[in-house]
């Protein structure tokens, strides 16, 4: 891998905000949430972000209330899954404050991803043109289409 470079915190916070906003409306948000979580965890290790406390989630899983970890990065606040240690060390802040909003930011998703990829030193997998796999059935039934002897010649039937 290449030499680790430090991404400015305000730029990284804006990128994380953009990724988080797109993840909330994406049809398959797994990757976006993954890179957001990885980046925030690195920022916490680098002591460039701080854990604020725990919040009840607005979207309970399977009707069970659960908590999320509130993290401050520059002027932005984000939620990530908490660790067991977080429950022991951090204060529970209760319900999410709906009146608070992160500062508005204009940044494209592709630019935001590049910034976060640079921070977590992650290389996206390059897709090749022929990477699409053809469907192969494990049960092969030959087709009669395109055969020269179609329809099959009449069989000799016995007549009485």
C-alpha atoms as a PDB file:
ATOM      1  CA  UNK A   1       0.000   0.000   0.000  1.00  0.00           C
ATOM      2  CA  UNK A   2       1.048   3.588  -0.463  1.00  0.00           C
ATOM      3  CA  UNK A   3       2.218   5.968   2.269  1.00  0.00           C
ATOM      4  CA  UNK A   4      -0.575   6.972   4.661  1.00  0.00           C
ATOM      5  CA  UNK A   5      -1.622  10.562   4.144  1.00  0.00           C
ATOM      6  CA  UNK A   6      -3.644  12.683   6.553  1.00  0.00           C
ATOM      7  CA  UNK A   7      -6.930  13.924   5.167  1.00  0.00           C
ATOM      8  CA  UNK A   8      -8.101  17.290   6.590  1.00  0.00           C
ATOM      9  CA  UNK A   9     -10.749  16.688   9.268  1.00  0.00           C
ATOM     10  CA  UNK A  10     -13.316  19.171   7.898  1.00  0.00           C
ATOM     11  CA  UNK A  11     -13.085  17.578   4.436  1.00  0.00           C
ATOM     12  CA  UNK A  12     -13.428  14.084   5.900  1.00  0.00           C
ATOM     13  CA  UNK A  13     -16.441  15.122   8.020  1.00  0.00           C
ATOM     14  CA  UNK A  14     -18.201  16.527   4.934  1.00  0.00           C
ATOM     15  CA  UNK A  15     -17.430  13.323   3.005  1.00  0.00           C
ATOM     16  CA  UNK A  16     -18.836  11.168   5.822  1.00  0.00           C
ATOM     17  CA  UNK A  17     -21.967  13.332   5.956  1.00  0.00           C
ATOM     18  CA  UNK A  18     -22.473  12.914   2.177  1.00  0.00           C
ATOM     19  CA  UNK A  19     -21.935   9.133   2.361  1.00  0.00           C
ATOM     20  CA  UNK A  20     -24.342   8.838   5.303  1.00  0.00           C
ATOM     21  CA  UNK A  21     -27.021  10.880   3.508  1.00  0.00           C
ATOM     22  CA  UNK A  22     -26.759   8.698   0.386  1.00  0.00           C
ATOM     23  CA  UNK A  23     -26.694   5.473   2.417  1.00  0.00           C
ATOM     24  CA  UNK A  24     -30.070   6.301   3.978  1.00  0.00           C
ATOM     25  CA  UNK A  25     -31.766   6.268   0.552  1.00  0.00           C
ATOM     26  CA  UNK A  26     -29.616   3.679  -1.279  1.00  0.00           C
ATOM     27  CA  UNK A  27     -31.141   0.378  -2.391  1.00  0.00           C
ATOM     28  CA  UNK A  28     -28.043  -1.494  -1.121  1.00  0.00           C
ATOM     29  CA  UNK A  29     -26.353   0.692   1.514  1.00  0.00           C
ATOM     30  CA  UNK A  30     -24.023  -1.969   3.033  1.00  0.00           C
ATOM     31  CA  UNK A  31     -20.841  -0.689   1.407  1.00  0.00           C
ATOM     32  CA  UNK A  32     -21.561   2.958   2.239  1.00  0.00           C
ATOM     33  CA  UNK A  33     -22.252   2.159   5.895  1.00  0.00           C
ATOM     34  CA  UNK A  34     -19.139  -0.044   6.001  1.00  0.00           C
ATOM     35  CA  UNK A  35     -16.769   2.687   4.769  1.00  0.00           C
ATOM     36  CA  UNK A  36     -18.440   5.249   7.079  1.00  0.00           C
ATOM     37  CA  UNK A  37     -17.933   2.973  10.096  1.00  0.00           C
ATOM     38  CA  UNK A  38     -14.333   2.131   9.130  1.00  0.00           C
ATOM     39  CA  UNK A  39     -13.455   5.794   8.702  1.00  0.00           C
ATOM     40  CA  UNK A  40     -15.048   6.843  12.009  1.00  0.00           C
ATOM     41  CA  UNK A  41     -13.300   4.000  13.860  1.00  0.00           C
ATOM     42  CA  UNK A  42      -9.942   5.145  12.420  1.00  0.00           C
ATOM     43  CA  UNK A  43     -10.694   8.727  13.436  1.00  0.00           C
ATOM     44  CA  UNK A  44     -11.456   7.534  16.978  1.00  0.00           C
ATOM     45  CA  UNK A  45      -8.122   5.637  17.104  1.00  0.00           C
ATOM     46  CA  UNK A  46      -6.311   8.721  15.777  1.00  0.00           C
ATOM     47  CA  UNK A  47      -8.113  10.812  18.455  1.00  0.00           C
ATOM     48  CA  UNK A  48      -9.551  13.085  15.738  1.00  0.00           C
ATOM     49  CA  UNK A  49     -13.162  12.188  16.679  1.00  0.00           C
ATOM     50  CA  UNK A  50     -14.844  11.817  20.043  1.00  0.00           C
ATOM     51  CA  UNK A  51     -17.518   9.546  21.456  1.00  0.00           C
ATOM     52  CA  UNK A  52     -20.366  11.618  22.910  1.00  0.00           C
ATOM     53  CA  UNK A  53     -22.760   8.995  24.282  1.00  0.00           C
ATOM     54  CA  UNK A  54     -25.453   6.469  23.417  1.00  0.00           C
ATOM     55  CA  UNK A  55     -28.833   7.152  21.815  1.00  0.00           C
ATOM     56  CA  UNK A  56     -31.907   5.008  21.358  1.00  0.00           C
ATOM     57  CA  UNK A  57     -32.267   4.177  17.675  1.00  0.00           C
ATOM     58  CA  UNK A  58     -35.158   5.609  15.659  1.00  0.00           C
ATOM     59  CA  UNK A  59     -35.389   2.337  13.718  1.00  0.00           C
ATOM     60  CA  UNK A  60     -35.724  -0.536  16.195  1.00  0.00           C
ATOM     61  CA  UNK A  61     -34.603  -3.893  14.795  1.00  0.00           C
ATOM     62  CA  UNK A  62     -37.299  -6.580  14.908  1.00  0.00           C
ATOM     63  CA  UNK A  63     -39.365  -4.374  17.281  1.00  0.00           C
ATOM     64  CA  UNK A  64     -36.547  -4.405  19.852  1.00  0.00           C
ATOM     65  CA  UNK A  65     -35.203  -1.063  21.015  1.00  0.00           C
ATOM     66  CA  UNK A  66     -31.436  -0.773  20.624  1.00  0.00           C
ATOM     67  CA  UNK A  67     -28.828   1.909  21.077  1.00  0.00           C
ATOM     68  CA  UNK A  68     -26.379   3.573  18.721  1.00  0.00           C
ATOM     69  CA  UNK A  69     -23.127   5.346  19.512  1.00  0.00           C
ATOM     70  CA  UNK A  70     -23.083   9.103  18.879  1.00  0.00           C
ATOM     71  CA  UNK A  71     -19.720  10.303  17.546  1.00  0.00           C
ATOM     72  CA  UNK A  72     -18.616  13.881  16.833  1.00  0.00           C
ATOM     73  CA  UNK A  73     -16.332  14.488  13.844  1.00  0.00           C
ATOM     74  CA  UNK A  74     -15.442  18.175  13.432  1.00  0.00           C
ATOM     75  CA  UNK A  75     -18.885  19.947  13.388  1.00  0.00           C
ATOM     76  CA  UNK A  76     -20.836  16.801  12.419  1.00  0.00           C
ATOM     77  CA  UNK A  77     -22.491  14.069  14.469  1.00  0.00           C
ATOM     78  CA  UNK A  78     -22.845  10.444  13.322  1.00  0.00           C
ATOM     79  CA  UNK A  79     -24.244   7.214  14.706  1.00  0.00           C
ATOM     80  CA  UNK A  80     -22.390   3.909  14.490  1.00  0.00           C
ATOM     81  CA  UNK A  81     -22.973   0.552  16.213  1.00  0.00           C
ATOM     82  CA  UNK A  82     -21.634   0.612  19.791  1.00  0.00           C
ATOM     83  CA  UNK A  83     -19.244  -1.903  21.352  1.00  0.00           C
ATOM     84  CA  UNK A  84     -19.911  -3.650  24.678  1.00  0.00           C
ATOM     85  CA  UNK A  85     -17.268  -1.412  26.212  1.00  0.00           C
ATOM     86  CA  UNK A  86     -19.225   1.694  25.121  1.00  0.00           C
ATOM     87  CA  UNK A  87     -22.223   0.602  27.209  1.00  0.00           C
ATOM     88  CA  UNK A  88     -19.982   0.374  30.289  1.00  0.00           C
ATOM     89  CA  UNK A  89     -18.103   3.660  29.815  1.00  0.00           C
ATOM     90  CA  UNK A  90     -20.514   6.095  28.147  1.00  0.00           C
ATOM     91  CA  UNK A  91     -23.616   7.917  29.333  1.00  0.00           C
ATOM     92  CA  UNK A  92     -26.950   7.003  27.732  1.00  0.00           C
ATOM     93  CA  UNK A  93     -28.501  10.180  26.324  1.00  0.00           C
ATOM     94  CA  UNK A  94     -31.966   8.683  25.822  1.00  0.00           C
ATOM     95  CA  UNK A  95     -34.084   9.633  22.818  1.00  0.00           C
ATOM     96  CA  UNK A  96     -32.558  11.200  19.702  1.00  0.00           C
ATOM     97  CA  UNK A  97     -32.912  14.993  19.591  1.00  0.00           C
ATOM     98  CA  UNK A  98     -34.872  15.623  16.366  1.00  0.00           C
ATOM     99  CA  UNK A  99     -34.352  19.395  16.501  1.00  0.00           C
ATOM    100  CA  UNK A 100     -30.600  19.134  15.842  1.00  0.00           C
ATOM    101  CA  UNK A 101     -29.343  18.930  12.260  1.00  0.00           C
ATOM    102  CA  UNK A 102     -25.819  18.612  10.867  1.00  0.00           C
ATOM    103  CA  UNK A 103     -24.593  21.586   8.796  1.00  0.00           C
ATOM    104  CA  UNK A 104     -25.685  21.428   5.155  1.00  0.00           C
ATOM    105  CA  UNK A 105     -22.998  20.231   2.763  1.00  0.00           C
ATOM    106  CA  UNK A 106     -22.688  20.057  -1.018  1.00  0.00           C
ATOM    107  CA  UNK A 107     -20.420  17.249  -2.188  1.00  0.00           C
ATOM    108  CA  UNK A 108     -20.851  14.523  -4.783  1.00  0.00           C
ATOM    109  CA  UNK A 109     -20.957  10.918  -3.619  1.00  0.00           C
ATOM    110  CA  UNK A 110     -18.037   9.958  -5.882  1.00  0.00           C
ATOM    111  CA  UNK A 111     -15.862  12.739  -4.412  1.00  0.00           C
ATOM    112  CA  UNK A 112     -16.901  11.748  -0.866  1.00  0.00           C
ATOM    113  CA  UNK A 113     -15.989   8.113  -1.520  1.00  0.00           C
ATOM    114  CA  UNK A 114     -12.551   9.102  -2.863  1.00  0.00           C
ATOM    115  CA  UNK A 115     -11.832  11.113   0.301  1.00  0.00           C
ATOM    116  CA  UNK A 116     -12.930   8.293   2.624  1.00  0.00           C
ATOM    117  CA  UNK A 117     -11.108   5.647   0.551  1.00  0.00           C
ATOM    118  CA  UNK A 118      -7.941   7.743   0.863  1.00  0.00           C
ATOM    119  CA  UNK A 119      -8.424   7.969   4.633  1.00  0.00           C
ATOM    120  CA  UNK A 120      -9.013   4.256   5.236  1.00  0.00           C
ATOM    121  CA  UNK A 121      -6.442   3.315   2.551  1.00  0.00           C
ATOM    122  CA  UNK A 122      -8.985   1.177   0.693  1.00  0.00           C
ATOM    123  CA  UNK A 123      -8.763   0.287  -2.975  1.00  0.00           C
ATOM    124  CA  UNK A 124     -12.082  -0.376  -4.750  1.00  0.00           C
ATOM    125  CA  UNK A 125     -12.120  -3.569  -6.811  1.00  0.00           C
ATOM    126  CA  UNK A 126     -11.898  -2.769 -10.508  1.00  0.00           C
ATOM    127  CA  UNK A 127     -14.667  -4.376 -12.518  1.00  0.00           C
ATOM    128  CA  UNK A 128     -13.727  -5.797 -15.882  1.00  0.00           C
ATOM    129  CA  UNK A 129     -15.972  -5.854 -18.924  1.00  0.00           C
ATOM    130  CA  UNK A 130     -16.264  -9.657 -18.935  1.00  0.00           C
ATOM    131  CA  UNK A 131     -16.795 -10.012 -15.193  1.00  0.00           C
ATOM    132  CA  UNK A 132     -20.442 -10.887 -15.737  1.00  0.00           C
ATOM    133  CA  UNK A 133     -20.895 -14.614 -15.232  1.00  0.00           C
ATOM    134  CA  UNK A 134     -23.097 -16.463 -17.657  1.00  0.00           C
ATOM    135  CA  UNK A 135     -25.882 -18.477 -16.136  1.00  0.00           C
ATOM    136  CA  UNK A 136     -25.146 -22.178 -16.298  1.00  0.00           C
ATOM    137  CA  UNK A 137     -27.785 -24.609 -15.159  1.00  0.00           C
ATOM    138  CA  UNK A 138     -26.624 -27.689 -13.340  1.00  0.00           C
ATOM    139  CA  UNK A 139     -29.403 -29.518 -15.146  1.00  0.00           C
ATOM    140  CA  UNK A 140     -28.693 -29.361 -18.873  1.00  0.00           C
ATOM    141  CA  UNK A 141     -31.548 -29.780 -21.314  1.00  0.00           C
ATOM    142  CA  UNK A 142     -30.489 -29.510 -24.923  1.00  0.00           C
ATOM    143  CA  UNK A 143     -32.604 -27.284 -27.085  1.00  0.00           C
ATOM    144  CA  UNK A 144     -34.065 -28.423 -30.371  1.00  0.00           C
ATOM    145  CA  UNK A 145     -33.988 -24.892 -31.725  1.00  0.00           C
ATOM    146  CA  UNK A 146     -31.750 -24.463 -34.750  1.00  0.00           C
ATOM    147  CA  UNK A 147     -31.685 -28.165 -35.568  1.00  0.00           C
ATOM    148  CA  UNK A 148     -32.006 -29.033 -39.241  1.00  0.00           C
ATOM    149  CA  UNK A 149     -34.230 -32.047 -38.716  1.00  0.00           C
ATOM    150  CA  UNK A 150     -37.050 -30.191 -36.999  1.00  0.00           C
ATOM    151  CA  UNK A 151     -39.841 -31.165 -36.820  1.00  0.00           C
ATOM    152  CA  UNK A 152     -38.755 -34.740 -36.288  1.00  0.00           C
ATOM    153  CA  UNK A 153     -39.573 -37.109 -39.107  1.00  0.00           C
ATOM    154  CA  UNK A 154     -42.730 -39.128 -38.695  1.00  0.00           C
ATOM    155  CA  UNK A 155     -42.291 -42.407 -36.947  1.00  0.00           C
ATOM    156  CA  UNK A 156     -43.634 -45.499 -38.594  1.00  0.00           C
ATOM    157  CA  UNK A 157     -46.846 -46.450 -36.907  1.00  0.00           C
ATOM    158  CA  UNK A 158     -48.555 -49.727 -37.331  1.00  0.00           C
ATOM    159  CA  UNK A 159     -51.936 -49.498 -38.873  1.00  0.00           C
ATOM    160  CA  UNK A 160     -54.481 -52.238 -38.263  1.00  0.00           C
END
